[in-house]
């Protein structure tokens, strides 16, 4: 299991369009991927879960990966988040 803290740089935070982009990216990995904000954690492959976190621009979140391709997943998701959820 690997965890990495990132700051959400998109202008709208993690609203439905940005969450859908994150889900699409996260779904390309075999690893289990979680997004944590404060004490709350959600599956990064679940739209309702991500939206329930209420992530705003500038919020710090933790990306947690666990599984066969966890190292590449965490690295690529960190870059993805730092680029404003745009590839």
PDB file of N, CA and C in Angstrom:
ATOM      1  N   UNK A   1       0.840  -1.175   0.000  1.00  0.00           N
ATOM      2  CA  UNK A   1       0.000   0.000   0.000  1.00  0.00           C
ATOM      3  C   UNK A   1       0.891   1.245   0.000  1.00  0.00           C
ATOM      4  N   UNK A   2       0.521   2.209  -0.853  1.00  0.00           N
ATOM      5  CA  UNK A   2       1.265   3.461  -0.970  1.00  0.00           C
ATOM      6  C   UNK A   2       0.283   4.612  -0.828  1.00  0.00           C
ATOM      7  N   UNK A   3       0.683   5.664  -0.122  1.00  0.00           N
ATOM      8  CA  UNK A   3      -0.177   6.842   0.028  1.00  0.00           C
ATOM      9  C   UNK A   3       0.626   8.097  -0.312  1.00  0.00           C
ATOM     10  N   UNK A   4      -0.044   9.056  -0.930  1.00  0.00           N
ATOM     11  CA  UNK A   4       0.609  10.302  -1.336  1.00  0.00           C
ATOM     12  C   UNK A   4      -0.389  11.444  -1.183  1.00  0.00           C
ATOM     13  N   UNK A   5       0.036  12.520  -0.529  1.00  0.00           N
ATOM     14  CA  UNK A   5      -0.829  13.687  -0.378  1.00  0.00           C
ATOM     15  C   UNK A   5      -0.628  14.638  -1.547  1.00  0.00           C
ATOM     16  N   UNK A   6      -1.733  15.124  -2.107  1.00  0.00           N
ATOM     17  CA  UNK A   6      -1.694  16.088  -3.207  1.00  0.00           C
ATOM     18  C   UNK A   6      -2.702  17.190  -2.916  1.00  0.00           C
ATOM     19  N   UNK A   7      -2.510  18.336  -3.583  1.00  0.00           N
ATOM     20  CA  UNK A   7      -3.435  19.450  -3.474  1.00  0.00           C
ATOM     21  C   UNK A   7      -4.232  19.532  -4.768  1.00  0.00           C
ATOM     22  N   UNK A   8      -5.536  19.661  -4.653  1.00  0.00           N
ATOM     23  CA  UNK A   8      -6.412  19.754  -5.828  1.00  0.00           C
ATOM     24  C   UNK A   8      -6.230  21.136  -6.452  1.00  0.00           C
ATOM     25  N   UNK A   9      -5.769  21.141  -7.703  1.00  0.00           N
ATOM     26  CA  UNK A   9      -5.471  22.407  -8.376  1.00  0.00           C
ATOM     27  C   UNK A   9      -6.513  22.811  -9.404  1.00  0.00           C
ATOM     28  N   UNK A  10      -7.516  21.955  -9.658  1.00  0.00           N
ATOM     29  CA  UNK A  10      -8.544  22.323 -10.635  1.00  0.00           C
ATOM     30  C   UNK A  10      -9.391  23.462 -10.066  1.00  0.00           C
ATOM     31  N   UNK A  11      -9.872  24.333 -10.937  1.00  0.00           N
ATOM     32  CA  UNK A  11     -10.615  25.519 -10.516  1.00  0.00           C
ATOM     33  C   UNK A  11     -11.966  25.188  -9.897  1.00  0.00           C
ATOM     34  N   UNK A  12     -12.493  24.013 -10.204  1.00  0.00           N
ATOM     35  CA  UNK A  12     -13.820  23.636  -9.701  1.00  0.00           C
ATOM     36  C   UNK A  12     -13.764  22.573  -8.604  1.00  0.00           C
ATOM     37  N   UNK A  13     -12.569  22.177  -8.200  1.00  0.00           N
ATOM     38  CA  UNK A  13     -12.454  21.108  -7.215  1.00  0.00           C
ATOM     39  C   UNK A  13     -12.765  19.775  -7.869  1.00  0.00           C
ATOM     40  N   UNK A  14     -13.408  18.913  -7.133  1.00  0.00           N
ATOM     41  CA  UNK A  14     -13.722  17.587  -7.667  1.00  0.00           C
ATOM     42  C   UNK A  14     -15.235  17.471  -7.862  1.00  0.00           C
ATOM     43  N   UNK A  15     -15.774  18.312  -8.755  1.00  0.00           N
ATOM     44  CA  UNK A  15     -17.191  18.222  -9.096  1.00  0.00           C
ATOM     45  C   UNK A  15     -17.377  17.088 -10.087  1.00  0.00           C
ATOM     46  N   UNK A  16     -18.576  16.876 -10.585  1.00  0.00           N
ATOM     47  CA  UNK A  16     -18.876  15.656 -11.344  1.00  0.00           C
ATOM     48  C   UNK A  16     -17.999  15.440 -12.576  1.00  0.00           C
ATOM     49  N   UNK A  17     -17.707  16.486 -13.335  1.00  0.00           N
ATOM     50  CA  UNK A  17     -16.885  16.309 -14.538  1.00  0.00           C
ATOM     51  C   UNK A  17     -15.453  15.904 -14.177  1.00  0.00           C
ATOM     52  N   UNK A  18     -14.874  16.562 -13.186  1.00  0.00           N
ATOM     53  CA  UNK A  18     -13.515  16.225 -12.755  1.00  0.00           C
ATOM     54  C   UNK A  18     -13.493  14.846 -12.095  1.00  0.00           C
ATOM     55  N   UNK A  19     -14.530  14.531 -11.333  1.00  0.00           N
ATOM     56  CA  UNK A  19     -14.604  13.215 -10.697  1.00  0.00           C
ATOM     57  C   UNK A  19     -14.675  12.128 -11.759  1.00  0.00           C
ATOM     58  N   UNK A  20     -15.429  12.369 -12.827  1.00  0.00           N
ATOM     59  CA  UNK A  20     -15.531  11.384 -13.913  1.00  0.00           C
ATOM     60  C   UNK A  20     -14.179  11.164 -14.573  1.00  0.00           C
ATOM     61  N   UNK A  21     -13.408  12.230 -14.735  1.00  0.00           N
ATOM     62  CA  UNK A  21     -12.052  12.081 -15.306  1.00  0.00           C
ATOM     63  C   UNK A  21     -11.171  11.241 -14.389  1.00  0.00           C
ATOM     64  N   UNK A  22     -11.280  11.511 -13.087  1.00  0.00           N
ATOM     65  CA  UNK A  22     -10.479  10.751 -12.122  1.00  0.00           C
ATOM     66  C   UNK A  22     -10.892   9.275 -12.124  1.00  0.00           C
ATOM     67  N   UNK A  23     -12.179   9.016 -12.187  1.00  0.00           N
ATOM     68  CA  UNK A  23     -12.668   7.635 -12.217  1.00  0.00           C
ATOM     69  C   UNK A  23     -12.153   6.914 -13.455  1.00  0.00           C
ATOM     70  N   UNK A  24     -12.204   7.577 -14.587  1.00  0.00           N
ATOM     71  CA  UNK A  24     -11.719   6.977 -15.827  1.00  0.00           C
ATOM     72  C   UNK A  24     -10.239   6.628 -15.705  1.00  0.00           C
ATOM     73  N   UNK A  25      -9.455   7.543 -15.138  1.00  0.00           N
ATOM     74  CA  UNK A  25      -8.019   7.307 -14.953  1.00  0.00           C
ATOM     75  C   UNK A  25      -7.797   6.166 -13.945  1.00  0.00           C
ATOM     76  N   UNK A  26      -8.477   6.234 -12.805  1.00  0.00           N
ATOM     77  CA  UNK A  26      -8.289   5.227 -11.748  1.00  0.00           C
ATOM     78  C   UNK A  26      -8.713   3.841 -12.221  1.00  0.00           C
ATOM     79  N   UNK A  27      -9.721   3.785 -13.072  1.00  0.00           N
ATOM     80  CA  UNK A  27     -10.234   2.498 -13.549  1.00  0.00           C
ATOM     81  C   UNK A  27      -9.275   1.791 -14.507  1.00  0.00           C
ATOM     82  N   UNK A  28      -8.266   2.503 -14.977  1.00  0.00           N
ATOM     83  CA  UNK A  28      -7.302   1.881 -15.886  1.00  0.00           C
ATOM     84  C   UNK A  28      -6.241   1.066 -15.137  1.00  0.00           C
ATOM     85  N   UNK A  29      -6.308   1.048 -13.806  1.00  0.00           N
ATOM     86  CA  UNK A  29      -5.345   0.290 -12.991  1.00  0.00           C
ATOM     87  C   UNK A  29      -6.047  -0.866 -12.303  1.00  0.00           C
ATOM     88  N   UNK A  30      -5.293  -1.938 -12.075  1.00  0.00           N
ATOM     89  CA  UNK A  30      -5.817  -3.081 -11.335  1.00  0.00           C
ATOM     90  C   UNK A  30      -5.889  -2.800  -9.842  1.00  0.00           C
ATOM     91  N   UNK A  31      -5.018  -1.943  -9.350  1.00  0.00           N
ATOM     92  CA  UNK A  31      -4.925  -1.660  -7.917  1.00  0.00           C
ATOM     93  C   UNK A  31      -6.227  -1.070  -7.378  1.00  0.00           C
ATOM     94  N   UNK A  32      -6.476  -1.313  -6.106  1.00  0.00           N
ATOM     95  CA  UNK A  32      -7.554  -0.624  -5.408  1.00  0.00           C
ATOM     96  C   UNK A  32      -7.060   0.792  -5.145  1.00  0.00           C
ATOM     97  N   UNK A  33      -7.889   1.778  -5.427  1.00  0.00           N
ATOM     98  CA  UNK A  33      -7.476   3.177  -5.274  1.00  0.00           C
ATOM     99  C   UNK A  33      -8.523   3.892  -4.435  1.00  0.00           C
ATOM    100  N   UNK A  34      -8.039   4.587  -3.417  1.00  0.00           N
ATOM    101  CA  UNK A  34      -8.903   5.320  -2.493  1.00  0.00           C
ATOM    102  C   UNK A  34      -8.467   6.775  -2.454  1.00  0.00           C
ATOM    103  N   UNK A  35      -9.436   7.655  -2.245  1.00  0.00           N
ATOM    104  CA  UNK A  35      -9.174   9.076  -2.042  1.00  0.00           C
ATOM    105  C   UNK A  35      -9.625   9.398  -0.628  1.00  0.00           C
ATOM    106  N   UNK A  36      -8.744  10.030   0.133  1.00  0.00           N
ATOM    107  CA  UNK A  36      -9.071  10.372   1.511  1.00  0.00           C
ATOM    108  C   UNK A  36      -8.982  11.874   1.704  1.00  0.00           C
ATOM    109  N   UNK A  37     -10.010  12.443   2.344  1.00  0.00           N
ATOM    110  CA  UNK A  37     -10.025  13.857   2.723  1.00  0.00           C
ATOM    111  C   UNK A  37     -10.391  13.893   4.195  1.00  0.00           C
ATOM    112  N   UNK A  38      -9.451  14.321   5.009  1.00  0.00           N
ATOM    113  CA  UNK A  38      -9.682  14.302   6.449  1.00  0.00           C
ATOM    114  C   UNK A  38      -9.865  12.877   6.924  1.00  0.00           C
ATOM    115  N   UNK A  39     -10.943  12.635   7.640  1.00  0.00           N
ATOM    116  CA  UNK A  39     -11.227  11.301   8.178  1.00  0.00           C
ATOM    117  C   UNK A  39     -12.031  10.437   7.210  1.00  0.00           C
ATOM    118  N   UNK A  40     -12.518  11.037   6.117  1.00  0.00           N
ATOM    119  CA  UNK A  40     -13.388  10.318   5.188  1.00  0.00           C
ATOM    120  C   UNK A  40     -12.599   9.766   4.015  1.00  0.00           C
ATOM    121  N   UNK A  41     -13.002   8.573   3.562  1.00  0.00           N
ATOM    122  CA  UNK A  41     -12.303   7.906   2.469  1.00  0.00           C
ATOM    123  C   UNK A  41     -13.336   7.338   1.505  1.00  0.00           C
ATOM    124  N   UNK A  42     -13.029   7.411   0.197  1.00  0.00           N
ATOM    125  CA  UNK A  42     -13.949   6.882  -0.820  1.00  0.00           C
ATOM    126  C   UNK A  42     -13.163   6.146  -1.896  1.00  0.00           C
ATOM    127  N   UNK A  43     -13.821   5.189  -2.508  1.00  0.00           N
ATOM    128  CA  UNK A  43     -13.244   4.453  -3.626  1.00  0.00           C
ATOM    129  C   UNK A  43     -13.111   5.419  -4.808  1.00  0.00           C
ATOM    130  N   UNK A  44     -11.915   5.499  -5.395  1.00  0.00           N
ATOM    131  CA  UNK A  44     -11.665   6.424  -6.505  1.00  0.00           C
ATOM    132  C   UNK A  44     -12.339   5.977  -7.796  1.00  0.00           C
ATOM    133  N   UNK A  45     -12.978   4.825  -7.782  1.00  0.00           N
ATOM    134  CA  UNK A  45     -13.677   4.329  -8.966  1.00  0.00           C
ATOM    135  C   UNK A  45     -15.192   4.468  -8.801  1.00  0.00           C
ATOM    136  N   UNK A  46     -15.624   5.245  -7.793  1.00  0.00           N
ATOM    137  CA  UNK A  46     -17.041   5.421  -7.484  1.00  0.00           C
ATOM    138  C   UNK A  46     -17.413   6.906  -7.527  1.00  0.00           C
ATOM    139  N   UNK A  47     -18.303   7.268  -8.454  1.00  0.00           N
ATOM    140  CA  UNK A  47     -18.716   8.665  -8.592  1.00  0.00           C
ATOM    141  C   UNK A  47     -19.383   9.177  -7.314  1.00  0.00           C
ATOM    142  N   UNK A  48     -20.339   8.433  -6.789  1.00  0.00           N
ATOM    143  CA  UNK A  48     -21.025   8.882  -5.573  1.00  0.00           C
ATOM    144  C   UNK A  48     -20.060   9.010  -4.398  1.00  0.00           C
ATOM    145  N   UNK A  49     -19.145   8.062  -4.303  1.00  0.00           N
ATOM    146  CA  UNK A  49     -18.156   8.121  -3.227  1.00  0.00           C
ATOM    147  C   UNK A  49     -17.300   9.364  -3.306  1.00  0.00           C
ATOM    148  N   UNK A  50     -16.786   9.660  -4.506  1.00  0.00           N
ATOM    149  CA  UNK A  50     -15.941  10.839  -4.676  1.00  0.00           C
ATOM    150  C   UNK A  50     -16.708  12.128  -4.414  1.00  0.00           C
ATOM    151  N   UNK A  51     -17.919  12.223  -4.951  1.00  0.00           N
ATOM    152  CA  UNK A  51     -18.710  13.444  -4.756  1.00  0.00           C
ATOM    153  C   UNK A  51     -19.075  13.652  -3.292  1.00  0.00           C
ATOM    154  N   UNK A  52     -19.221  12.562  -2.542  1.00  0.00           N
ATOM    155  CA  UNK A  52     -19.588  12.670  -1.124  1.00  0.00           C
ATOM    156  C   UNK A  52     -18.470  13.287  -0.282  1.00  0.00           C
ATOM    157  N   UNK A  53     -17.247  13.302  -0.807  1.00  0.00           N
ATOM    158  CA  UNK A  53     -16.132  13.887  -0.063  1.00  0.00           C
ATOM    159  C   UNK A  53     -16.156  15.415  -0.080  1.00  0.00           C
ATOM    160  N   UNK A  54     -16.847  16.006  -1.054  1.00  0.00           N
ATOM    161  CA  UNK A  54     -16.945  17.469  -1.127  1.00  0.00           C
ATOM    162  C   UNK A  54     -15.589  18.144  -1.274  1.00  0.00           C
ATOM    163  N   UNK A  55     -14.814  17.735  -2.256  1.00  0.00           N
ATOM    164  CA  UNK A  55     -13.458  18.254  -2.439  1.00  0.00           C
ATOM    165  C   UNK A  55     -13.503  19.563  -3.221  1.00  0.00           C
ATOM    166  N   UNK A  56     -12.950  20.611  -2.624  1.00  0.00           N
ATOM    167  CA  UNK A  56     -12.938  21.957  -3.213  1.00  0.00           C
ATOM    168  C   UNK A  56     -11.551  22.303  -3.731  1.00  0.00           C
ATOM    169  N   UNK A  57     -11.452  23.352  -4.566  1.00  0.00           N
ATOM    170  CA  UNK A  57     -10.129  23.778  -5.049  1.00  0.00           C
ATOM    171  C   UNK A  57      -9.211  24.106  -3.862  1.00  0.00           C
ATOM    172  N   UNK A  58      -7.985  23.640  -3.950  1.00  0.00           N
ATOM    173  CA  UNK A  58      -7.003  23.899  -2.901  1.00  0.00           C
ATOM    174  C   UNK A  58      -7.008  22.908  -1.758  1.00  0.00           C
ATOM    175  N   UNK A  59      -7.996  22.009  -1.724  1.00  0.00           N
ATOM    176  CA  UNK A  59      -8.041  20.994  -0.659  1.00  0.00           C
ATOM    177  C   UNK A  59      -6.891  20.015  -0.819  1.00  0.00           C
ATOM    178  N   UNK A  60      -6.401  19.541   0.308  1.00  0.00           N
ATOM    179  CA  UNK A  60      -5.384  18.494   0.306  1.00  0.00           C
ATOM    180  C   UNK A  60      -6.102  17.156   0.475  1.00  0.00           C
ATOM    181  N   UNK A  61      -5.757  16.218  -0.408  1.00  0.00           N
ATOM    182  CA  UNK A  61      -6.316  14.872  -0.331  1.00  0.00           C
ATOM    183  C   UNK A  61      -5.158  13.883  -0.306  1.00  0.00           C
ATOM    184  N   UNK A  62      -5.453  12.678   0.103  1.00  0.00           N
ATOM    185  CA  UNK A  62      -4.461  11.606   0.068  1.00  0.00           C
ATOM    186  C   UNK A  62      -4.947  10.545  -0.910  1.00  0.00           C
ATOM    187  N   UNK A  63      -4.088  10.198  -1.848  1.00  0.00           N
ATOM    188  CA  UNK A  63      -4.371   9.109  -2.784  1.00  0.00           C
ATOM    189  C   UNK A  63      -3.719   7.860  -2.207  1.00  0.00           C
ATOM    190  N   UNK A  64      -4.495   6.790  -2.090  1.00  0.00           N
ATOM    191  CA  UNK A  64      -4.001   5.534  -1.532  1.00  0.00           C
ATOM    192  C   UNK A  64      -4.181   4.442  -2.584  1.00  0.00           C
ATOM    193  N   UNK A  65      -3.103   3.736  -2.893  1.00  0.00           N
ATOM    194  CA  UNK A  65      -3.179   2.640  -3.859  1.00  0.00           C
ATOM    195  C   UNK A  65      -2.714   1.349  -3.190  1.00  0.00           C
ATOM    196  N   UNK A  66      -3.336   0.253  -3.581  1.00  0.00           N
ATOM    197  CA  UNK A  66      -2.979  -1.043  -3.022  1.00  0.00           C
ATOM    198  C   UNK A  66      -3.258  -2.117  -4.071  1.00  0.00           C
ATOM    199  N   UNK A  67      -2.205  -2.779  -4.523  1.00  0.00           N
ATOM    200  CA  UNK A  67      -2.393  -3.836  -5.513  1.00  0.00           C
ATOM    201  C   UNK A  67      -1.182  -3.980  -6.413  1.00  0.00           C
ATOM    202  N   UNK A  68      -1.357  -4.794  -7.437  1.00  0.00           N
ATOM    203  CA  UNK A  68      -0.245  -5.181  -8.308  1.00  0.00           C
ATOM    204  C   UNK A  68       0.452  -3.988  -8.959  1.00  0.00           C
ATOM    205  N   UNK A  69      -0.300  -3.026  -9.470  1.00  0.00           N
ATOM    206  CA  UNK A  69       0.301  -1.886 -10.160  1.00  0.00           C
ATOM    207  C   UNK A  69       0.227  -0.598  -9.333  1.00  0.00           C
ATOM    208  N   UNK A  70       0.280  -0.743  -8.005  1.00  0.00           N
ATOM    209  CA  UNK A  70       0.124   0.407  -7.109  1.00  0.00           C
ATOM    210  C   UNK A  70       1.179   1.491  -7.311  1.00  0.00           C
ATOM    211  N   UNK A  71       2.417   1.122  -7.590  1.00  0.00           N
ATOM    212  CA  UNK A  71       3.489   2.126  -7.720  1.00  0.00           C
ATOM    213  C   UNK A  71       3.277   3.019  -8.938  1.00  0.00           C
ATOM    214  N   UNK A  72       2.963   2.419 -10.078  1.00  0.00           N
ATOM    215  CA  UNK A  72       2.738   3.226 -11.275  1.00  0.00           C
ATOM    216  C   UNK A  72       1.438   4.013 -11.139  1.00  0.00           C
ATOM    217  N   UNK A  73       0.440   3.423 -10.513  1.00  0.00           N
ATOM    218  CA  UNK A  73      -0.841   4.111 -10.319  1.00  0.00           C
ATOM    219  C   UNK A  73      -0.669   5.364  -9.474  1.00  0.00           C
ATOM    220  N   UNK A  74       0.037   5.266  -8.365  1.00  0.00           N
ATOM    221  CA  UNK A  74       0.200   6.431  -7.487  1.00  0.00           C
ATOM    222  C   UNK A  74       0.989   7.527  -8.185  1.00  0.00           C
ATOM    223  N   UNK A  75       2.009   7.135  -8.924  1.00  0.00           N
ATOM    224  CA  UNK A  75       2.830   8.122  -9.623  1.00  0.00           C
ATOM    225  C   UNK A  75       2.014   8.869 -10.684  1.00  0.00           C
ATOM    226  N   UNK A  76       1.275   8.116 -11.501  1.00  0.00           N
ATOM    227  CA  UNK A  76       0.502   8.732 -12.578  1.00  0.00           C
ATOM    228  C   UNK A  76      -0.696   9.525 -12.048  1.00  0.00           C
ATOM    229  N   UNK A  77      -1.333   9.062 -10.978  1.00  0.00           N
ATOM    230  CA  UNK A  77      -2.457   9.797 -10.400  1.00  0.00           C
ATOM    231  C   UNK A  77      -2.001  11.085  -9.725  1.00  0.00           C
ATOM    232  N   UNK A  78      -0.809  11.069  -9.151  1.00  0.00           N
ATOM    233  CA  UNK A  78      -0.264  12.303  -8.562  1.00  0.00           C
ATOM    234  C   UNK A  78      -0.041  13.350  -9.650  1.00  0.00           C
ATOM    235  N   UNK A  79       0.555  12.961 -10.754  1.00  0.00           N
ATOM    236  CA  UNK A  79       0.773  13.883 -11.881  1.00  0.00           C
ATOM    237  C   UNK A  79      -0.571  14.369 -12.419  1.00  0.00           C
ATOM    238  N   UNK A  80      -1.530  13.460 -12.563  1.00  0.00           N
ATOM    239  CA  UNK A  80      -2.861  13.783 -13.054  1.00  0.00           C
ATOM    240  C   UNK A  80      -3.530  14.833 -12.164  1.00  0.00           C
ATOM    241  N   UNK A  81      -3.462  14.637 -10.853  1.00  0.00           N
ATOM    242  CA  UNK A  81      -4.063  15.585  -9.902  1.00  0.00           C
ATOM    243  C   UNK A  81      -3.345  16.932  -9.941  1.00  0.00           C
ATOM    244  N   UNK A  82      -2.029  16.909 -10.034  1.00  0.00           N
ATOM    245  CA  UNK A  82      -1.253  18.153 -10.063  1.00  0.00           C
ATOM    246  C   UNK A  82      -1.468  18.936 -11.357  1.00  0.00           C
ATOM    247  N   UNK A  83      -1.910  18.256 -12.408  1.00  0.00           N
ATOM    248  CA  UNK A  83      -2.188  18.916 -13.698  1.00  0.00           C
ATOM    249  C   UNK A  83      -3.650  19.352 -13.814  1.00  0.00           C
ATOM    250  N   UNK A  84      -4.366  19.380 -12.718  1.00  0.00           N
ATOM    251  CA  UNK A  84      -5.750  19.818 -12.746  1.00  0.00           C
ATOM    252  C   UNK A  84      -6.703  18.805 -13.315  1.00  0.00           C
ATOM    253  N   UNK A  85      -6.381  17.504 -13.198  1.00  0.00           N
ATOM    254  CA  UNK A  85      -7.197  16.397 -13.690  1.00  0.00           C
ATOM    255  C   UNK A  85      -7.327  16.409 -15.208  1.00  0.00           C
ATOM    256  N   UNK A  86      -6.296  16.882 -15.874  1.00  0.00           N
ATOM    257  CA  UNK A  86      -6.262  16.913 -17.336  1.00  0.00           C
ATOM    258  C   UNK A  86      -5.029  16.162 -17.796  1.00  0.00           C
ATOM    259  N   UNK A  87      -5.202  15.287 -18.789  1.00  0.00           N
ATOM    260  CA  UNK A  87      -4.048  14.533 -19.288  1.00  0.00           C
ATOM    261  C   UNK A  87      -3.332  15.314 -20.360  1.00  0.00           C
TER     262      UNK A  87
END
